[in-house]
């Protein structure tokens, strides 16, 4: 099982437990909205992303953020469940201040995980 850490929300004082890193399933769920409408052309056997693919729909960003939250949640106020169940509990219960705090903490954690992976790849190359 993945390691978790507890976060105490500032307003409600509820405890949310999140994973310390994003799983591959979570990573793929975050990438999917950005890849959905992208196309690659093959020129001389090499894949080239089409120029119009540089635009990103705002809906894709919202979907990716939602996936990041869903796949980082382990428990909410002592209750566990599927990513969808936990996400629904969080968005149905939390006020704006607590929700923004949770999102900030999740983003910090996934950023740390990403930076650690980049550092490991660089270390492996030396």
N, C-alpha and C. Protein backbone atom coordinates (compact mmCIF):
# COMPACT_ATOMS: atom_id res chain seq x y z
N UNK A 1 0.84 -1.18 0.00
CA UNK A 1 0.00 0.00 0.00
C UNK A 1 0.89 1.25 0.00
N UNK A 2 0.44 2.28 -0.69
CA UNK A 2 1.19 3.53 -0.75
C UNK A 2 1.17 4.24 0.59
N UNK A 3 2.25 4.92 0.89
CA UNK A 3 2.34 5.72 2.11
C UNK A 3 1.38 6.91 2.01
N UNK A 4 0.87 7.34 3.15
CA UNK A 4 -0.05 8.48 3.19
C UNK A 4 0.42 9.52 4.20
N UNK A 5 -0.16 10.70 4.11
CA UNK A 5 0.07 11.72 5.13
C UNK A 5 -1.25 12.41 5.43
N UNK A 6 -1.37 12.89 6.68
CA UNK A 6 -2.61 13.51 7.13
C UNK A 6 -2.52 15.03 7.01
N UNK A 7 -3.65 15.61 6.64
CA UNK A 7 -3.77 17.05 6.53
C UNK A 7 -4.97 17.47 7.37
N UNK A 8 -4.78 18.44 8.24
CA UNK A 8 -5.88 18.99 9.02
C UNK A 8 -6.35 20.26 8.31
N UNK A 9 -7.61 20.27 7.93
CA UNK A 9 -8.16 21.41 7.21
C UNK A 9 -8.36 22.59 8.15
N UNK A 10 -8.01 23.80 7.72
CA UNK A 10 -7.99 24.94 8.64
C UNK A 10 -9.35 25.36 9.21
N UNK A 11 -10.39 25.34 8.42
CA UNK A 11 -11.69 25.83 8.89
C UNK A 11 -12.49 24.76 9.63
N UNK A 12 -12.68 23.60 8.98
CA UNK A 12 -13.53 22.55 9.56
C UNK A 12 -12.79 21.66 10.56
N UNK A 13 -11.46 21.68 10.50
CA UNK A 13 -10.62 20.81 11.32
C UNK A 13 -10.79 19.33 10.97
N UNK A 14 -11.40 19.04 9.84
CA UNK A 14 -11.51 17.66 9.37
C UNK A 14 -10.13 17.17 8.96
N UNK A 15 -9.93 15.86 9.06
CA UNK A 15 -8.66 15.27 8.67
C UNK A 15 -8.83 14.56 7.34
N UNK A 16 -7.99 14.94 6.40
CA UNK A 16 -7.96 14.29 5.09
C UNK A 16 -6.61 13.62 4.97
N UNK A 17 -6.64 12.38 4.53
CA UNK A 17 -5.39 11.65 4.33
C UNK A 17 -5.16 11.53 2.83
N UNK A 18 -3.96 11.93 2.39
CA UNK A 18 -3.63 11.84 0.97
C UNK A 18 -2.40 10.95 0.80
N UNK A 19 -2.27 10.42 -0.40
CA UNK A 19 -1.08 9.63 -0.72
C UNK A 19 0.12 10.55 -0.85
N UNK A 20 1.31 10.00 -0.68
CA UNK A 20 2.53 10.81 -0.78
C UNK A 20 3.05 10.91 -2.21
N UNK A 21 2.44 10.16 -3.12
CA UNK A 21 2.80 10.27 -4.54
C UNK A 21 1.61 9.83 -5.38
N UNK A 22 1.62 10.23 -6.62
CA UNK A 22 0.55 9.92 -7.56
C UNK A 22 0.81 8.56 -8.20
N UNK A 23 -0.19 7.70 -8.24
CA UNK A 23 -0.04 6.39 -8.89
C UNK A 23 -0.01 6.56 -10.41
N UNK A 24 0.38 5.52 -11.10
CA UNK A 24 0.39 5.56 -12.56
C UNK A 24 -1.03 5.77 -13.09
N UNK A 25 -2.02 5.15 -12.45
CA UNK A 25 -3.42 5.34 -12.87
C UNK A 25 -3.80 6.82 -12.76
N UNK A 26 -3.40 7.45 -11.66
CA UNK A 26 -3.67 8.87 -11.47
C UNK A 26 -2.96 9.71 -12.51
N UNK A 27 -1.71 9.39 -12.77
CA UNK A 27 -0.94 10.12 -13.76
C UNK A 27 -1.61 10.03 -15.14
N UNK A 28 -2.05 8.85 -15.50
CA UNK A 28 -2.72 8.68 -16.80
C UNK A 28 -4.05 9.43 -16.84
N UNK A 29 -4.78 9.46 -15.72
CA UNK A 29 -6.05 10.19 -15.66
C UNK A 29 -5.84 11.69 -15.81
N UNK A 30 -4.72 12.19 -15.30
CA UNK A 30 -4.40 13.61 -15.45
C UNK A 30 -4.02 13.94 -16.89
N UNK A 31 -3.26 13.08 -17.52
CA UNK A 31 -2.80 13.32 -18.90
C UNK A 31 -3.92 13.16 -19.94
N UNK A 32 -4.86 12.29 -19.67
CA UNK A 32 -5.89 11.95 -20.67
C UNK A 32 -6.63 13.16 -21.24
N UNK A 33 -7.10 14.11 -20.43
CA UNK A 33 -7.82 15.25 -21.01
C UNK A 33 -6.97 16.07 -21.99
N UNK A 34 -5.66 16.11 -21.76
CA UNK A 34 -4.78 16.88 -22.64
C UNK A 34 -4.47 16.15 -23.94
N UNK A 35 -4.56 14.83 -23.90
CA UNK A 35 -4.24 14.04 -25.07
C UNK A 35 -5.45 13.74 -25.95
N UNK A 36 -6.63 13.89 -25.40
CA UNK A 36 -7.87 13.48 -26.05
C UNK A 36 -8.00 13.99 -27.49
N UNK A 37 -7.77 15.26 -27.71
CA UNK A 37 -7.99 15.84 -29.03
C UNK A 37 -6.69 16.15 -29.78
N UNK A 38 -5.58 15.69 -29.28
CA UNK A 38 -4.31 15.97 -29.93
C UNK A 38 -4.07 14.96 -31.04
N UNK A 39 -3.39 15.43 -32.06
CA UNK A 39 -3.09 14.56 -33.20
C UNK A 39 -1.61 14.63 -33.50
N UNK A 40 -1.10 13.52 -34.00
CA UNK A 40 0.30 13.44 -34.39
C UNK A 40 0.34 13.06 -35.86
N UNK A 41 1.13 13.79 -36.61
CA UNK A 41 1.38 13.45 -38.01
C UNK A 41 2.73 12.75 -38.08
N UNK A 42 2.84 11.79 -38.97
CA UNK A 42 4.11 11.09 -39.13
C UNK A 42 4.77 11.56 -40.41
N UNK A 43 5.94 12.17 -40.22
CA UNK A 43 6.72 12.67 -41.35
C UNK A 43 8.05 11.94 -41.32
N UNK A 44 8.31 11.21 -42.38
CA UNK A 44 9.53 10.42 -42.49
C UNK A 44 9.73 9.52 -41.27
N UNK A 45 8.63 8.94 -40.82
CA UNK A 45 8.68 8.00 -39.72
C UNK A 45 8.77 8.60 -38.33
N UNK A 46 8.74 9.93 -38.24
CA UNK A 46 8.82 10.59 -36.93
C UNK A 46 7.49 11.25 -36.61
N UNK A 47 7.05 11.11 -35.38
CA UNK A 47 5.80 11.73 -34.96
C UNK A 47 5.99 13.22 -34.70
N UNK A 48 5.10 14.03 -35.29
CA UNK A 48 5.15 15.48 -35.11
C UNK A 48 3.77 15.93 -34.65
N UNK A 49 3.73 16.63 -33.51
CA UNK A 49 2.46 17.13 -32.99
C UNK A 49 1.99 18.26 -33.89
N UNK A 50 0.74 18.20 -34.30
CA UNK A 50 0.19 19.23 -35.19
C UNK A 50 0.18 20.58 -34.48
N UNK A 51 0.43 21.64 -35.23
CA UNK A 51 0.51 23.00 -34.68
C UNK A 51 -0.73 23.40 -33.89
N UNK A 52 -1.93 23.08 -34.39
CA UNK A 52 -3.14 23.48 -33.68
C UNK A 52 -3.31 22.74 -32.36
N UNK A 53 -2.46 21.75 -32.11
CA UNK A 53 -2.54 20.99 -30.86
C UNK A 53 -1.93 21.74 -29.68
N UNK A 54 -1.38 22.91 -29.90
CA UNK A 54 -0.78 23.67 -28.81
C UNK A 54 -1.83 24.33 -27.94
N UNK A 55 -3.04 24.43 -28.42
CA UNK A 55 -4.11 25.02 -27.63
C UNK A 55 -4.67 23.96 -26.68
N UNK A 56 -5.03 24.41 -25.48
CA UNK A 56 -5.61 23.51 -24.49
C UNK A 56 -6.95 24.07 -24.07
N UNK A 57 -7.96 23.23 -24.07
CA UNK A 57 -9.29 23.67 -23.64
C UNK A 57 -9.30 23.83 -22.12
N UNK A 58 -10.01 24.84 -21.66
CA UNK A 58 -10.13 25.08 -20.22
C UNK A 58 -10.75 23.87 -19.52
N UNK A 59 -11.65 23.19 -20.19
CA UNK A 59 -12.29 22.00 -19.61
C UNK A 59 -11.26 20.90 -19.34
N UNK A 60 -10.25 20.80 -20.21
CA UNK A 60 -9.21 19.79 -20.01
C UNK A 60 -8.41 20.08 -18.74
N UNK A 61 -8.15 21.35 -18.49
CA UNK A 61 -7.42 21.72 -17.27
C UNK A 61 -8.24 21.38 -16.03
N UNK A 62 -9.53 21.68 -16.07
CA UNK A 62 -10.41 21.37 -14.94
C UNK A 62 -10.48 19.85 -14.71
N UNK A 63 -10.57 19.08 -15.79
CA UNK A 63 -10.62 17.61 -15.67
C UNK A 63 -9.32 17.07 -15.07
N UNK A 64 -8.20 17.62 -15.50
CA UNK A 64 -6.90 17.17 -14.99
C UNK A 64 -6.76 17.50 -13.50
N UNK A 65 -7.20 18.68 -13.11
CA UNK A 65 -7.14 19.06 -11.69
C UNK A 65 -8.02 18.14 -10.85
N UNK A 66 -9.21 17.83 -11.36
CA UNK A 66 -10.12 16.93 -10.65
C UNK A 66 -9.47 15.54 -10.48
N UNK A 67 -8.85 15.05 -11.55
CA UNK A 67 -8.20 13.74 -11.49
C UNK A 67 -7.05 13.74 -10.49
N UNK A 68 -6.30 14.84 -10.44
CA UNK A 68 -5.20 14.94 -9.48
C UNK A 68 -5.71 14.80 -8.06
N UNK A 69 -6.81 15.47 -7.76
CA UNK A 69 -7.40 15.40 -6.42
C UNK A 69 -7.94 14.00 -6.16
N UNK A 70 -8.72 13.48 -7.10
CA UNK A 70 -9.34 12.16 -6.92
C UNK A 70 -8.32 11.06 -6.62
N UNK A 71 -7.23 11.06 -7.36
CA UNK A 71 -6.29 9.95 -7.22
C UNK A 71 -5.24 10.17 -6.13
N UNK A 72 -5.32 11.30 -5.45
CA UNK A 72 -4.44 11.53 -4.30
C UNK A 72 -5.16 11.30 -2.97
N UNK A 73 -6.48 11.26 -2.97
CA UNK A 73 -7.24 11.08 -1.73
C UNK A 73 -7.19 9.64 -1.24
N UNK A 74 -6.91 9.47 0.05
CA UNK A 74 -6.97 8.15 0.67
C UNK A 74 -8.17 8.05 1.61
N UNK A 75 -8.39 9.10 2.43
CA UNK A 75 -9.54 9.08 3.33
C UNK A 75 -10.00 10.51 3.61
N UNK A 76 -11.26 10.61 3.98
CA UNK A 76 -11.85 11.89 4.37
C UNK A 76 -12.57 11.70 5.68
N UNK A 77 -12.09 12.37 6.71
CA UNK A 77 -12.69 12.28 8.04
C UNK A 77 -12.80 10.82 8.51
N UNK A 78 -11.77 10.03 8.22
CA UNK A 78 -11.70 8.64 8.65
C UNK A 78 -12.38 7.65 7.73
N UNK A 79 -13.07 8.12 6.69
CA UNK A 79 -13.77 7.23 5.76
C UNK A 79 -12.94 7.05 4.50
N UNK A 80 -12.89 5.80 4.03
CA UNK A 80 -12.21 5.50 2.77
C UNK A 80 -13.25 5.13 1.73
N UNK A 81 -12.82 4.92 0.52
CA UNK A 81 -13.72 4.55 -0.56
C UNK A 81 -13.01 4.65 -1.89
N UNK A 82 -13.77 4.55 -2.96
CA UNK A 82 -13.19 4.69 -4.29
C UNK A 82 -12.79 6.15 -4.51
N UNK A 83 -11.93 6.41 -5.48
CA UNK A 83 -11.59 7.81 -5.77
C UNK A 83 -12.83 8.68 -6.04
N UNK A 84 -13.81 8.15 -6.76
CA UNK A 84 -15.03 8.92 -7.04
C UNK A 84 -15.82 9.20 -5.77
N UNK A 85 -15.95 8.19 -4.91
CA UNK A 85 -16.70 8.37 -3.65
C UNK A 85 -16.05 9.42 -2.76
N UNK A 86 -14.72 9.32 -2.62
CA UNK A 86 -14.01 10.28 -1.78
C UNK A 86 -14.08 11.69 -2.35
N UNK A 87 -13.92 11.80 -3.66
CA UNK A 87 -14.00 13.11 -4.30
C UNK A 87 -15.37 13.73 -4.06
N UNK A 88 -16.42 12.92 -4.22
CA UNK A 88 -17.79 13.43 -4.00
C UNK A 88 -17.96 13.90 -2.55
N UNK A 89 -17.43 13.14 -1.60
CA UNK A 89 -17.53 13.56 -0.19
C UNK A 89 -16.83 14.90 0.02
N UNK A 90 -15.66 15.03 -0.54
CA UNK A 90 -14.87 16.26 -0.36
C UNK A 90 -15.58 17.46 -0.98
N UNK A 91 -16.04 17.33 -2.22
CA UNK A 91 -16.65 18.51 -2.86
C UNK A 91 -18.04 18.79 -2.32
N UNK A 92 -18.71 17.79 -1.79
CA UNK A 92 -20.05 18.03 -1.21
C UNK A 92 -19.98 18.61 0.20
N UNK A 93 -18.88 18.38 0.90
CA UNK A 93 -18.79 18.81 2.29
C UNK A 93 -17.98 20.09 2.48
N UNK A 94 -16.84 20.17 1.83
CA UNK A 94 -15.90 21.26 2.13
C UNK A 94 -16.35 22.61 1.58
N UNK A 95 -16.06 23.63 2.37
CA UNK A 95 -16.24 25.00 1.91
C UNK A 95 -15.03 25.42 1.08
N UNK A 96 -15.13 26.58 0.49
CA UNK A 96 -14.10 27.07 -0.41
C UNK A 96 -12.72 27.13 0.25
N UNK A 97 -12.63 27.65 1.47
CA UNK A 97 -11.33 27.80 2.15
C UNK A 97 -10.66 26.44 2.37
N UNK A 98 -11.40 25.47 2.91
CA UNK A 98 -10.84 24.14 3.14
C UNK A 98 -10.49 23.45 1.83
N UNK A 99 -11.35 23.58 0.83
CA UNK A 99 -11.09 22.94 -0.47
C UNK A 99 -9.82 23.50 -1.10
N UNK A 100 -9.68 24.82 -1.10
CA UNK A 100 -8.48 25.44 -1.69
C UNK A 100 -7.23 25.02 -0.93
N UNK A 101 -7.31 24.91 0.38
CA UNK A 101 -6.19 24.46 1.19
C UNK A 101 -5.80 23.03 0.81
N UNK A 102 -6.80 22.16 0.68
CA UNK A 102 -6.55 20.76 0.30
C UNK A 102 -5.90 20.69 -1.08
N UNK A 103 -6.42 21.44 -2.03
CA UNK A 103 -5.86 21.44 -3.38
C UNK A 103 -4.40 21.91 -3.35
N UNK A 104 -4.13 22.93 -2.56
CA UNK A 104 -2.75 23.44 -2.43
C UNK A 104 -1.83 22.36 -1.90
N UNK A 105 -2.26 21.63 -0.87
CA UNK A 105 -1.44 20.58 -0.27
C UNK A 105 -1.23 19.41 -1.23
N UNK A 106 -2.27 19.06 -1.98
CA UNK A 106 -2.14 17.99 -2.97
C UNK A 106 -1.18 18.41 -4.07
N UNK A 107 -1.31 19.64 -4.55
CA UNK A 107 -0.41 20.13 -5.60
C UNK A 107 1.03 20.18 -5.12
N UNK A 108 1.26 20.59 -3.88
CA UNK A 108 2.61 20.58 -3.31
C UNK A 108 3.18 19.17 -3.31
N UNK A 109 2.36 18.20 -2.92
CA UNK A 109 2.81 16.81 -2.83
C UNK A 109 3.12 16.24 -4.20
N UNK A 110 2.25 16.48 -5.17
CA UNK A 110 2.50 15.93 -6.52
C UNK A 110 3.69 16.64 -7.17
N UNK A 111 3.89 17.92 -6.87
CA UNK A 111 5.04 18.64 -7.41
C UNK A 111 6.33 18.09 -6.82
N UNK A 112 6.33 17.82 -5.50
CA UNK A 112 7.51 17.23 -4.85
C UNK A 112 7.82 15.87 -5.47
N UNK A 113 6.80 15.08 -5.73
CA UNK A 113 6.97 13.76 -6.32
C UNK A 113 7.57 13.90 -7.72
N UNK A 114 7.07 14.84 -8.50
CA UNK A 114 7.57 15.08 -9.86
C UNK A 114 9.03 15.52 -9.82
N UNK A 115 9.36 16.44 -8.92
CA UNK A 115 10.74 16.92 -8.79
C UNK A 115 11.68 15.80 -8.37
N UNK A 116 11.20 14.92 -7.50
CA UNK A 116 12.01 13.78 -7.05
C UNK A 116 12.28 12.84 -8.22
N UNK A 117 11.28 12.59 -9.05
CA UNK A 117 11.45 11.72 -10.22
C UNK A 117 12.44 12.32 -11.21
N UNK A 118 12.37 13.63 -11.43
CA UNK A 118 13.30 14.29 -12.34
C UNK A 118 14.72 14.19 -11.81
N UNK A 119 14.90 14.43 -10.51
CA UNK A 119 16.23 14.35 -9.89
C UNK A 119 16.78 12.93 -10.02
N UNK A 120 15.93 11.93 -9.80
CA UNK A 120 16.37 10.54 -9.91
C UNK A 120 16.84 10.24 -11.34
N UNK A 121 16.08 10.71 -12.34
CA UNK A 121 16.47 10.48 -13.73
C UNK A 121 17.80 11.14 -14.03
N UNK A 122 18.01 12.35 -13.53
CA UNK A 122 19.28 13.05 -13.76
C UNK A 122 20.42 12.32 -13.08
N UNK A 123 20.19 11.84 -11.84
CA UNK A 123 21.22 11.10 -11.13
C UNK A 123 21.59 9.80 -11.85
N UNK A 124 20.58 9.14 -12.44
CA UNK A 124 20.81 7.90 -13.17
C UNK A 124 21.66 8.12 -14.42
N UNK A 125 21.59 9.34 -14.97
CA UNK A 125 22.34 9.63 -16.19
C UNK A 125 23.79 9.96 -15.92
N UNK A 126 24.12 10.27 -14.67
CA UNK A 126 25.51 10.65 -14.36
C UNK A 126 26.30 9.49 -13.83
